PDB file of N, CA and C in Angstrom:
ATOM      1  N   VAL A   1      15.082 -14.343-135.077  1.00  0.00           N
ATOM      2  CA  VAL A   1      14.371 -14.905-133.859  1.00  0.00           C
ATOM      3  C   VAL A   1      14.717 -16.288-133.824  1.00  0.00           C
ATOM      4  N   LEU A   2      15.368 -16.651-132.617  1.00  0.00           N
ATOM      5  CA  LEU A   2      15.708 -17.966-132.485  1.00  0.00           C
ATOM      6  C   LEU A   2      14.713 -18.614-131.179  1.00  0.00           C
ATOM      7  N   PHE A   3      13.852 -19.588-131.735  1.00  0.00           N
ATOM      8  CA  PHE A   3      13.244 -20.243-130.663  1.00  0.00           C
ATOM      9  C   PHE A   3      13.826 -21.430-130.203  1.00  0.00           C
ATOM     10  N   ALA A   4      13.802 -21.672-128.862  1.00  0.00           N
ATOM     11  CA  ALA A   4      14.392 -22.894-128.107  1.00  0.00           C
ATOM     12  C   ALA A   4      13.473 -23.962-128.027  1.00  0.00           C
ATOM     13  N   GLY A   5      13.167 -25.070-128.881  1.00  0.00           N
ATOM     14  CA  GLY A   5      12.439 -26.031-128.741  1.00  0.00           C
ATOM     15  C   GLY A   5      10.881 -25.928-129.100  1.00  0.00           C
ATOM     16  N   PHE A   6      10.207 -26.796-128.585  1.00  0.00           N
ATOM     17  CA  PHE A   6       8.819 -27.028-128.991  1.00  0.00           C
ATOM     18  C   PHE A   6       7.961 -25.786-128.957  1.00  0.00           C
ATOM     19  N   GLN A   7       7.258 -25.459-130.024  1.00  0.00           N
ATOM     20  CA  GLN A   7       6.191 -24.368-130.111  1.00  0.00           C
ATOM     21  C   GLN A   7       4.709 -24.866-130.218  1.00  0.00           C
ATOM     22  N   ALA A   8       3.894 -24.798-129.083  1.00  0.00           N
ATOM     23  CA  ALA A   8       2.677 -25.339-129.080  1.00  0.00           C
ATOM     24  C   ALA A   8       1.822 -24.766-130.246  1.00  0.00           C
ATOM     25  N   ALA A   9       1.111 -25.674-130.855  1.00  0.00           N
ATOM     26  CA  ALA A   9       0.076 -25.470-131.845  1.00  0.00           C
ATOM     27  C   ALA A   9      -0.770 -24.175-131.391  1.00  0.00           C
ATOM     28  N   GLY A  10      -1.142 -23.240-132.333  1.00  0.00           N
ATOM     29  CA  GLY A  10      -1.903 -22.149-132.194  1.00  0.00           C
ATOM     30  C   GLY A  10      -1.197 -20.930-131.451  1.00  0.00           C
ATOM     31  N   THR A  11       0.082 -21.064-131.243  1.00  0.00           N
ATOM     32  CA  THR A  11       0.841 -20.057-130.546  1.00  0.00           C
ATOM     33  C   THR A  11       1.494 -19.172-131.669  1.00  0.00           C
ATOM     34  N   ARG A  12       1.864 -18.066-131.340  1.00  0.00           N
ATOM     35  CA  ARG A  12       2.723 -17.202-132.267  1.00  0.00           C
ATOM     36  C   ARG A  12       3.907 -17.792-132.599  1.00  0.00           C
ATOM     37  N   GLY A  13       4.588 -18.420-131.596  1.00  0.00           N
ATOM     38  CA  GLY A  13       5.835 -19.117-131.819  1.00  0.00           C
ATOM     39  C   GLY A  13       5.727 -20.238-132.931  1.00  0.00           C
ATOM     40  N   ALA A  14       4.663 -21.036-132.798  1.00  0.00           N
ATOM     41  CA  ALA A  14       4.452 -21.942-133.821  1.00  0.00           C
ATOM     42  C   ALA A  14       4.159 -21.356-135.212  1.00  0.00           C
ATOM     43  N   ALA A  15       3.507 -20.188-135.297  1.00  0.00           N
ATOM     44  CA  ALA A  15       3.131 -19.736-136.584  1.00  0.00           C
ATOM     45  C   ALA A  15       4.435 -19.051-137.042  1.00  0.00           C
ATOM     46  N   MET A  16       5.250 -18.570-136.268  1.00  0.00           N
ATOM     47  CA  MET A  16       6.523 -18.087-136.771  1.00  0.00           C
ATOM     48  C   MET A  16       7.414 -18.831-137.463  1.00  0.00           C
ATOM     49  N   VAL A  17       7.405 -20.010-136.676  1.00  0.00           N
ATOM     50  CA  VAL A  17       8.364 -21.252-137.159  1.00  0.00           C
ATOM     51  C   VAL A  17       7.802 -21.742-138.454  1.00  0.00           C
ATOM     52  N   ALA A  18       6.398 -21.809-138.474  1.00  0.00           N
ATOM     53  CA  ALA A  18       5.946 -22.348-139.799  1.00  0.00           C
ATOM     54  C   ALA A  18       6.159 -21.438-140.937  1.00  0.00           C
ATOM     55  N   GLY A  19       6.714 -20.293-140.659  1.00  0.00           N
ATOM     56  CA  GLY A  19       6.814 -19.140-141.744  1.00  0.00           C
ATOM     57  C   GLY A  19       5.901 -18.301-142.251  1.00  0.00           C
ATOM     58  N   VAL A  20       4.929 -17.963-141.290  1.00  0.00           N
ATOM     59  CA  VAL A  20       3.904 -17.107-141.696  1.00  0.00           C
ATOM     60  C   VAL A  20       4.495 -15.571-141.916  1.00  0.00           C
ATOM     61  N   ASP A  21       3.776 -14.781-142.861  1.00  0.00           N
ATOM     62  CA  ASP A  21       4.318 -13.406-143.087  1.00  0.00           C
ATOM     63  C   ASP A  21       3.861 -12.502-142.153  1.00  0.00           C
ATOM     64  N   ALA A  22       2.867 -12.730-141.237  1.00  0.00           N
ATOM     65  CA  ALA A  22       2.586 -11.639-140.100  1.00  0.00           C
ATOM     66  C   ALA A  22       1.836 -12.515-139.027  1.00  0.00           C
ATOM     67  N   ILE A  23       1.938 -12.077-137.847  1.00  0.00           N
ATOM     68  CA  ILE A  23       1.314 -12.509-136.728  1.00  0.00           C
ATOM     69  C   ILE A  23       0.682 -11.529-136.002  1.00  0.00           C
ATOM     70  N   LYS A  24      -0.484 -11.930-135.348  1.00  0.00           N
ATOM     71  CA  LYS A  24      -1.487 -10.915-134.762  1.00  0.00           C
ATOM     72  C   LYS A  24      -1.041 -10.780-133.258  1.00  0.00           C
ATOM     73  N   ILE A  25      -0.746  -9.475-132.950  1.00  0.00           N
ATOM     74  CA  ILE A  25      -0.313  -8.962-131.647  1.00  0.00           C
ATOM     75  C   ILE A  25      -1.353  -8.006-131.080  1.00  0.00           C
ATOM     76  N   HIS A  26      -1.980  -8.131-130.011  1.00  0.00           N
ATOM     77  CA  HIS A  26      -2.966  -7.074-129.504  1.00  0.00           C
ATOM     78  C   HIS A  26      -3.935  -6.619-130.555  1.00  0.00           C
ATOM     79  N   GLY A  27      -4.579  -7.462-131.413  1.00  0.00           N
ATOM     80  CA  GLY A  27      -5.537  -7.228-132.330  1.00  0.00           C
ATOM     81  C   GLY A  27      -5.023  -6.702-133.678  1.00  0.00           C
ATOM     82  N   ALA A  28      -3.715  -6.494-133.887  1.00  0.00           N
ATOM     83  CA  ALA A  28      -3.124  -5.978-134.992  1.00  0.00           C
ATOM     84  C   ALA A  28      -2.169  -7.024-135.715  1.00  0.00           C
ATOM     85  N   TYR A  29      -2.102  -7.055-137.079  1.00  0.00           N
ATOM     86  CA  TYR A  29      -1.157  -7.942-137.674  1.00  0.00           C
ATOM     87  C   TYR A  29       0.080  -7.116-137.903  1.00  0.00           C
ATOM     88  N   VAL A  30       1.225  -7.828-137.396  1.00  0.00           N
ATOM     89  CA  VAL A  30       2.465  -7.251-137.514  1.00  0.00           C
ATOM     90  C   VAL A  30       3.322  -8.379-138.451  1.00  0.00           C
ATOM     91  N   PRO A  31       3.929  -7.643-139.460  1.00  0.00           N
ATOM     92  CA  PRO A  31       4.662  -8.432-140.447  1.00  0.00           C
ATOM     93  C   PRO A  31       5.952  -9.041-139.730  1.00  0.00           C
ATOM     94  N   VAL A  32       6.197 -10.236-140.192  1.00  0.00           N
ATOM     95  CA  VAL A  32       7.484 -10.944-139.588  1.00  0.00           C
ATOM     96  C   VAL A  32       8.565 -10.666-140.661  1.00  0.00           C
ATOM     97  N   ARG A  33       9.530  -9.618-140.313  1.00  0.00           N
ATOM     98  CA  ARG A  33      10.608  -9.488-141.137  1.00  0.00           C
ATOM     99  C   ARG A  33      11.963 -10.034-140.695  1.00  0.00           C
ATOM    100  N   ALA A  34      11.782 -10.700-139.590  1.00  0.00           N
ATOM    101  CA  ALA A  34      13.055 -11.316-139.072  1.00  0.00           C
ATOM    102  C   ALA A  34      13.437 -12.816-139.710  1.00  0.00           C
ATOM    103  N   GLU A  35      14.552 -13.162-139.582  1.00  0.00           N
ATOM    104  CA  GLU A  35      14.872 -14.718-140.003  1.00  0.00           C
ATOM    105  C   GLU A  35      14.446 -15.429-138.798  1.00  0.00           C
ATOM    106  N   VAL A  36      13.720 -16.509-138.936  1.00  0.00           N
ATOM    107  CA  VAL A  36      13.231 -17.348-137.859  1.00  0.00           C
ATOM    108  C   VAL A  36      13.831 -18.634-137.920  1.00  0.00           C
ATOM    109  N   ALA A  37      14.381 -19.190-136.722  1.00  0.00           N
ATOM    110  CA  ALA A  37      14.872 -20.592-136.674  1.00  0.00           C
ATOM    111  C   ALA A  37      14.304 -21.121-135.276  1.00  0.00           C
ATOM    112  N   ASN A  38      14.426 -22.542-135.291  1.00  0.00           N
ATOM    113  CA  ASN A  38      14.068 -23.312-134.162  1.00  0.00           C
ATOM    114  C   ASN A  38      14.954 -24.354-133.840  1.00  0.00           C
ATOM    115  N   LEU A  39      15.529 -24.253-132.676  1.00  0.00           N
ATOM    116  CA  LEU A  39      16.479 -25.259-132.262  1.00  0.00           C
ATOM    117  C   LEU A  39      15.622 -26.345-131.477  1.00  0.00           C
ATOM    118  N   GLU A  40      15.096 -27.279-132.247  1.00  0.00           N
ATOM    119  CA  GLU A  40      14.137 -28.295-131.621  1.00  0.00           C
ATOM    120  C   GLU A  40      15.023 -29.249-130.812  1.00  0.00           C
ATOM    121  N   THR A  41      16.288 -29.363-130.805  1.00  0.00           N
ATOM    122  CA  THR A  41      17.197 -30.232-130.052  1.00  0.00           C
ATOM    123  C   THR A  41      17.560 -29.656-128.778  1.00  0.00           C
ATOM    124  N   LEU A  42      17.327 -28.328-128.604  1.00  0.00           N
ATOM    125  CA  LEU A  42      17.741 -27.625-127.242  1.00  0.00           C
ATOM    126  C   LEU A  42      16.696 -27.655-126.218  1.00  0.00           C
ATOM    127  N   SER A  43      17.088 -28.282-125.115  1.00  0.00           N
ATOM    128  CA  SER A  43      15.965 -28.365-124.098  1.00  0.00           C
ATOM    129  C   SER A  43      15.732 -26.975-123.320  1.00  0.00           C
ATOM    130  N   ALA A  44      14.484 -26.743-122.985  1.00  0.00           N
ATOM    131  CA  ALA A  44      14.255 -25.552-122.364  1.00  0.00           C
ATOM    132  C   ALA A  44      14.695 -25.502-120.963  1.00  0.00           C
ATOM    133  N   HIS A  45      15.228 -26.515-120.510  1.00  0.00           N
ATOM    134  CA  HIS A  45      15.859 -26.612-119.310  1.00  0.00           C
ATOM    135  C   HIS A  45      17.246 -26.642-118.958  1.00  0.00           C
ATOM    136  N   ALA A  46      17.883 -26.105-119.956  1.00  0.00           N
ATOM    137  CA  ALA A  46      19.314 -25.982-119.719  1.00  0.00           C
ATOM    138  C   ALA A  46      19.769 -25.104-118.571  1.00  0.00           C
ATOM    139  N   ASP A  47      20.836 -25.377-117.844  1.00  0.00           N
ATOM    140  CA  ASP A  47      21.250 -24.490-116.754  1.00  0.00           C
ATOM    141  C   ASP A  47      22.252 -23.273-117.420  1.00  0.00           C
ATOM    142  N   ARG A  48      22.629 -22.516-116.486  1.00  0.00           N
ATOM    143  CA  ARG A  48      23.462 -21.447-116.953  1.00  0.00           C
ATOM    144  C   ARG A  48      24.767 -21.837-117.565  1.00  0.00           C
ATOM    145  N   ASP A  49      25.453 -22.736-117.065  1.00  0.00           N
ATOM    146  CA  ASP A  49      26.669 -23.415-117.550  1.00  0.00           C
ATOM    147  C   ASP A  49      26.487 -23.972-118.952  1.00  0.00           C
ATOM    148  N   GLU A  50      25.480 -24.713-119.086  1.00  0.00           N
ATOM    149  CA  GLU A  50      25.202 -25.304-120.375  1.00  0.00           C
ATOM    150  C   GLU A  50      24.723 -24.312-121.457  1.00  0.00           C
ATOM    151  N   LEU A  51      24.057 -23.257-120.973  1.00  0.00           N
ATOM    152  CA  LEU A  51      23.782 -22.142-122.091  1.00  0.00           C
ATOM    153  C   LEU A  51      24.816 -21.463-122.393  1.00  0.00           C
ATOM    154  N   LEU A  52      25.772 -21.223-121.435  1.00  0.00           N
ATOM    155  CA  LEU A  52      27.136 -20.442-121.832  1.00  0.00           C
ATOM    156  C   LEU A  52      27.952 -21.257-122.740  1.00  0.00           C
ATOM    157  N   ALA A  53      28.065 -22.636-122.498  1.00  0.00           N
ATOM    158  CA  ALA A  53      28.864 -23.557-123.260  1.00  0.00           C
ATOM    159  C   ALA A  53      28.275 -23.558-124.685  1.00  0.00           C
ATOM    160  N   TRP A  54      26.887 -23.634-124.955  1.00  0.00           N
ATOM    161  CA  TRP A  54      26.247 -23.738-126.179  1.00  0.00           C
ATOM    162  C   TRP A  54      26.576 -22.229-126.900  1.00  0.00           C
ATOM    163  N   LEU A  55      26.332 -21.261-126.271  1.00  0.00           N
ATOM    164  CA  LEU A  55      26.659 -19.958-126.779  1.00  0.00           C
ATOM    165  C   LEU A  55      28.054 -19.843-127.402  1.00  0.00           C
ATOM    166  N   GLY A  56      28.922 -20.481-126.717  1.00  0.00           N
ATOM    167  CA  GLY A  56      30.465 -20.410-127.033  1.00  0.00           C
ATOM    168  C   GLY A  56      30.512 -21.172-128.346  1.00  0.00           C
ATOM    169  N   THR A  57      29.785 -21.965-128.991  1.00  0.00           N
ATOM    170  CA  THR A  57      29.686 -22.721-130.185  1.00  0.00           C
ATOM    171  C   THR A  57      29.153 -21.910-131.124  1.00  0.00           C
ATOM    172  N   GLN A  58      28.591 -20.765-131.068  1.00  0.00           N
ATOM    173  CA  GLN A  58      27.908 -20.036-131.929  1.00  0.00           C
ATOM    174  C   GLN A  58      28.694 -18.869-132.279  1.00  0.00           C
ATOM    175  N   ARG A  59      28.302 -18.298-133.646  1.00  0.00           N
ATOM    176  CA  ARG A  59      28.931 -17.011-134.076  1.00  0.00           C
ATOM    177  C   ARG A  59      28.591 -15.809-133.155  1.00  0.00           C
ATOM    178  N   ALA A  60      29.302 -14.940-132.999  1.00  0.00           N
ATOM    179  CA  ALA A  60      29.056 -13.706-132.127  1.00  0.00           C
ATOM    180  C   ALA A  60      27.996 -12.918-132.642  1.00  0.00           C
ATOM    181  N   PRO A  61      26.631 -12.737-131.925  1.00  0.00           N
ATOM    182  CA  PRO A  61      25.789 -11.803-132.303  1.00  0.00           C
ATOM    183  C   PRO A  61      26.068 -10.428-132.231  1.00  0.00           C
ATOM    184  N   ARG A  62      25.183  -9.584-132.947  1.00  0.00           N
ATOM    185  CA  ARG A  62      25.247  -8.147-132.793  1.00  0.00           C
ATOM    186  C   ARG A  62      25.060  -7.779-131.170  1.00  0.00           C
ATOM    187  N   ARG A  63      23.939  -8.530-130.634  1.00  0.00           N
ATOM    188  CA  ARG A  63      23.295  -8.353-129.423  1.00  0.00           C
ATOM    189  C   ARG A  63      22.653  -9.535-129.063  1.00  0.00           C
ATOM    190  N   VAL A  64      22.436  -9.868-127.488  1.00  0.00           N
ATOM    191  CA  VAL A  64      21.773 -10.983-127.042  1.00  0.00           C
ATOM    192  C   VAL A  64      20.757 -10.397-126.185  1.00  0.00           C
ATOM    193  N   PHE A  65      19.502 -11.063-126.214  1.00  0.00           N
ATOM    194  CA  PHE A  65      18.469 -10.426-125.404  1.00  0.00           C
ATOM    195  C   PHE A  65      18.170 -11.633-124.403  1.00  0.00           C
ATOM    196  N   VAL A  66      18.047 -11.492-123.156  1.00  0.00           N
ATOM    197  CA  VAL A  66      17.662 -12.524-122.287  1.00  0.00           C
ATOM    198  C   VAL A  66      16.164 -12.306-121.883  1.00  0.00           C
ATOM    199  N   THR A  67      15.331 -13.148-122.427  1.00  0.00           N
ATOM    200  CA  THR A  67      13.992 -12.676-122.083  1.00  0.00           C
ATOM    201  C   THR A  67      12.998 -13.725-121.302  1.00  0.00           C
ATOM    202  N   HIS A  68      13.869 -14.569-120.630  1.00  0.00           N
ATOM    203  CA  HIS A  68      13.293 -15.558-119.880  1.00  0.00           C
ATOM    204  C   HIS A  68      13.883 -15.632-118.451  1.00  0.00           C
ATOM    205  N   GLY A  69      12.957 -15.966-117.455  1.00  0.00           N
ATOM    206  CA  GLY A  69      13.315 -16.093-116.109  1.00  0.00           C
ATOM    207  C   GLY A  69      13.115 -14.848-115.120  1.00  0.00           C
ATOM    208  N   GLU A  70      13.264 -15.112-113.978  1.00  0.00           N
ATOM    209  CA  GLU A  70      13.055 -13.943-113.034  1.00  0.00           C
ATOM    210  C   GLU A  70      14.075 -12.728-113.195  1.00  0.00           C
ATOM    211  N   PRO A  71      13.604 -11.740-112.886  1.00  0.00           N
ATOM    212  CA  PRO A  71      14.701 -10.594-113.145  1.00  0.00           C
ATOM    213  C   PRO A  71      15.999 -10.801-112.685  1.00  0.00           C
ATOM    214  N   VAL A  72      16.162 -11.189-111.477  1.00  0.00           N
ATOM    215  CA  VAL A  72      17.499 -11.170-110.838  1.00  0.00           C
ATOM    216  C   VAL A  72      18.126 -12.339-111.518  1.00  0.00           C
ATOM    217  N   ALA A  73      17.858 -13.534-111.915  1.00  0.00           N
ATOM    218  CA  ALA A  73      18.310 -14.690-112.622  1.00  0.00           C
ATOM    219  C   ALA A  73      18.634 -14.149-114.028  1.00  0.00           C
ATOM    220  N   ALA A  74      17.728 -13.507-114.648  1.00  0.00           N
ATOM    221  CA  ALA A  74      17.944 -13.134-116.126  1.00  0.00           C
ATOM    222  C   ALA A  74      19.110 -12.009-116.181  1.00  0.00           C
ATOM    223  N   ASP A  75      19.265 -11.220-115.169  1.00  0.00           N
ATOM    224  CA  ASP A  75      20.384 -10.254-115.118  1.00  0.00           C
ATOM    225  C   ASP A  75      21.890 -11.041-114.716  1.00  0.00           C
ATOM    226  N   ALA A  76      21.729 -12.088-113.974  1.00  0.00           N
ATOM    227  CA  ALA A  76      22.898 -12.934-113.633  1.00  0.00           C
ATOM    228  C   ALA A  76      23.385 -13.496-114.958  1.00  0.00           C
ATOM    229  N   LEU A  77      22.397 -14.052-115.738  1.00  0.00           N
ATOM    230  CA  LEU A  77      22.767 -14.746-116.945  1.00  0.00           C
ATOM    231  C   LEU A  77      23.414 -13.537-118.003  1.00  0.00           C
ATOM    232  N   ARG A  78      22.705 -12.423-118.051  1.00  0.00           N
ATOM    233  CA  ARG A  78      23.354 -11.388-118.808  1.00  0.00           C
ATOM    234  C   ARG A  78      24.737 -11.050-118.408  1.00  0.00           C
ATOM    235  N   LEU A  79      24.964 -10.978-117.305  1.00  0.00           N
ATOM    236  CA  LEU A  79      26.369 -10.434-116.944  1.00  0.00           C
ATOM    237  C   LEU A  79      27.436 -11.533-117.203  1.00  0.00           C
ATOM    238  N   ALA A  80      27.033 -12.939-117.008  1.00  0.00           N
ATOM    239  CA  ALA A  80      27.662 -14.128-117.305  1.00  0.00           C
ATOM    240  C   ALA A  80      28.043 -14.063-118.843  1.00  0.00           C
ATOM    241  N   ILE A  81      27.098 -13.927-119.641  1.00  0.00           N
ATOM    242  CA  ILE A  81      27.393 -13.891-121.083  1.00  0.00           C
ATOM    243  C   ILE A  81      28.037 -12.582-121.519  1.00  0.00           C
ATOM    244  N   GLU A  82      28.009 -11.499-120.889  1.00  0.00           N
ATOM    245  CA  GLU A  82      29.056 -10.432-121.297  1.00  0.00           C
ATOM    246  C   GLU A  82      30.447 -10.767-120.754  1.00  0.00           C
ATOM    247  N   GLU A  83      30.661 -11.339-119.624  1.00  0.00           N
ATOM    248  CA  GLU A  83      31.860 -11.738-119.088  1.00  0.00           C
ATOM    249  C   GLU A  83      32.541 -12.819-119.705  1.00  0.00           C
ATOM    250  N   ARG A  84      31.789 -13.971-120.164  1.00  0.00           N
ATOM    251  CA  ARG A  84      32.457 -15.199-120.886  1.00  0.00           C
ATOM    252  C   ARG A  84      32.691 -14.763-122.269  1.00  0.00           C
ATOM    253  N   HIS A  85      31.908 -14.197-122.928  1.00  0.00           N
ATOM    254  CA  HIS A  85      31.788 -14.030-124.291  1.00  0.00           C
ATOM    255  C   HIS A  85      32.056 -12.612-124.888  1.00  0.00           C
ATOM    256  N   GLY A  86      32.095 -11.726-124.029  1.00  0.00           N
ATOM    257  CA  GLY A  86      32.206 -10.392-124.433  1.00  0.00           C
ATOM    258  C   GLY A  86      31.171  -9.870-125.530  1.00  0.00           C
ATOM    259  N   TRP A  87      29.871 -10.228-125.499  1.00  0.00           N
ATOM    260  CA  TRP A  87      28.872  -9.900-126.374  1.00  0.00           C
ATOM    261  C   TRP A  87      28.002  -9.056-125.477  1.00  0.00           C
ATOM    262  N   PRO A  88      27.517  -7.857-126.164  1.00  0.00           N
ATOM    263  CA  PRO A  88      26.648  -7.128-125.679  1.00  0.00           C
ATOM    264  C   PRO A  88      25.317  -7.795-125.301  1.00  0.00           C
ATOM    265  N   CYS A  89      24.845  -7.712-124.182  1.00  0.00           N
ATOM    266  CA  CYS A  89      23.594  -8.441-123.663  1.00  0.00           C
ATOM    267  C   CYS A  89      22.638  -7.429-123.062  1.00  0.00           C
ATOM    268  N   THR A  90      21.317  -7.647-123.190  1.00  0.00           N
ATOM    269  CA  THR A  90      20.381  -6.687-122.616  1.00  0.00           C
ATOM    270  C   THR A  90      19.368  -7.691-121.891  1.00  0.00           C
ATOM    271  N   VAL A  91      18.743  -7.337-120.695  1.00  0.00           N
ATOM    272  CA  VAL A  91      17.454  -7.928-120.494  1.00  0.00           C
ATOM    273  C   VAL A  91      16.265  -6.806-120.605  1.00  0.00           C
ATOM    274  N   PRO A  92      15.575  -7.007-121.716  1.00  0.00           N
ATOM    275  CA  PRO A  92      14.650  -5.819-121.930  1.00  0.00           C
ATOM    276  C   PRO A  92      13.517  -5.589-120.772  1.00  0.00           C
ATOM    277  N   ASP A  93      13.109  -4.548-120.495  1.00  0.00           N
ATOM    278  CA  ASP A  93      12.184  -4.223-119.688  1.00  0.00           C
ATOM    279  C   ASP A  93      10.707  -4.811-120.126  1.00  0.00           C
ATOM    280  N   TYR A  94       9.901  -5.107-119.135  1.00  0.00           N
ATOM    281  CA  TYR A  94       8.621  -5.510-119.542  1.00  0.00           C
ATOM    282  C   TYR A  94       7.897  -4.717-120.545  1.00  0.00           C
ATOM    283  N   ARG A  95       7.378  -5.275-121.628  1.00  0.00           N
ATOM    284  CA  ARG A  95       6.783  -4.543-122.836  1.00  0.00           C
ATOM    285  C   ARG A  95       7.647  -3.643-123.614  1.00  0.00           C
ATOM    286  N   GLU A  96       9.036  -3.750-123.322  1.00  0.00           N
ATOM    287  CA  GLU A  96       9.863  -3.128-124.197  1.00  0.00           C
ATOM    288  C   GLU A  96      10.053  -3.703-125.609  1.00  0.00           C
ATOM    289  N   SER A  97       9.960  -2.954-126.675  1.00  0.00           N
ATOM    290  CA  SER A  97      10.318  -3.388-127.769  1.00  0.00           C
ATOM    291  C   SER A  97      11.719  -2.939-128.534  1.00  0.00           C
ATOM    292  N   ARG A  98      12.213  -3.720-129.299  1.00  0.00           N
ATOM    293  CA  ARG A  98      13.496  -3.303-129.938  1.00  0.00           C
ATOM    294  C   ARG A  98      13.414  -3.536-131.482  1.00  0.00           C
ATOM    295  N   GLU A  99      13.842  -2.752-132.182  1.00  0.00           N
ATOM    296  CA  GLU A  99      14.242  -2.893-133.662  1.00  0.00           C
ATOM    297  C   GLU A  99      15.136  -3.930-133.950  1.00  0.00           C
ATOM    298  N   LEU A 100      14.962  -4.970-134.624  1.00  0.00           N
ATOM    299  CA  LEU A 100      15.805  -6.187-134.942  1.00  0.00           C
ATOM    300  C   LEU A 100      16.293  -5.936-136.363  1.00  0.00           C
TER     301      LEU A 100
END
């Protein structure tokens, strides 16, 4: 799980970045089994071209999930990632979960 920037105190993101073994979701503790990293230097306000350029400096992942933005914009970014980098990319449905 890759976080982009600041994670506010008391949030699940901050807990995961801090290295907790489990986080509470809807009243149940869920183990954190993923590798967690935080890009503190990445602005949360990068535009599409900046995101695509940054992705080009990274090793190809097995899959990319676009989980931020309005549905039309998220799908446009998904298409751009697939076209420019050839990586499989998905915009998950609301409340959809995936095994990582």
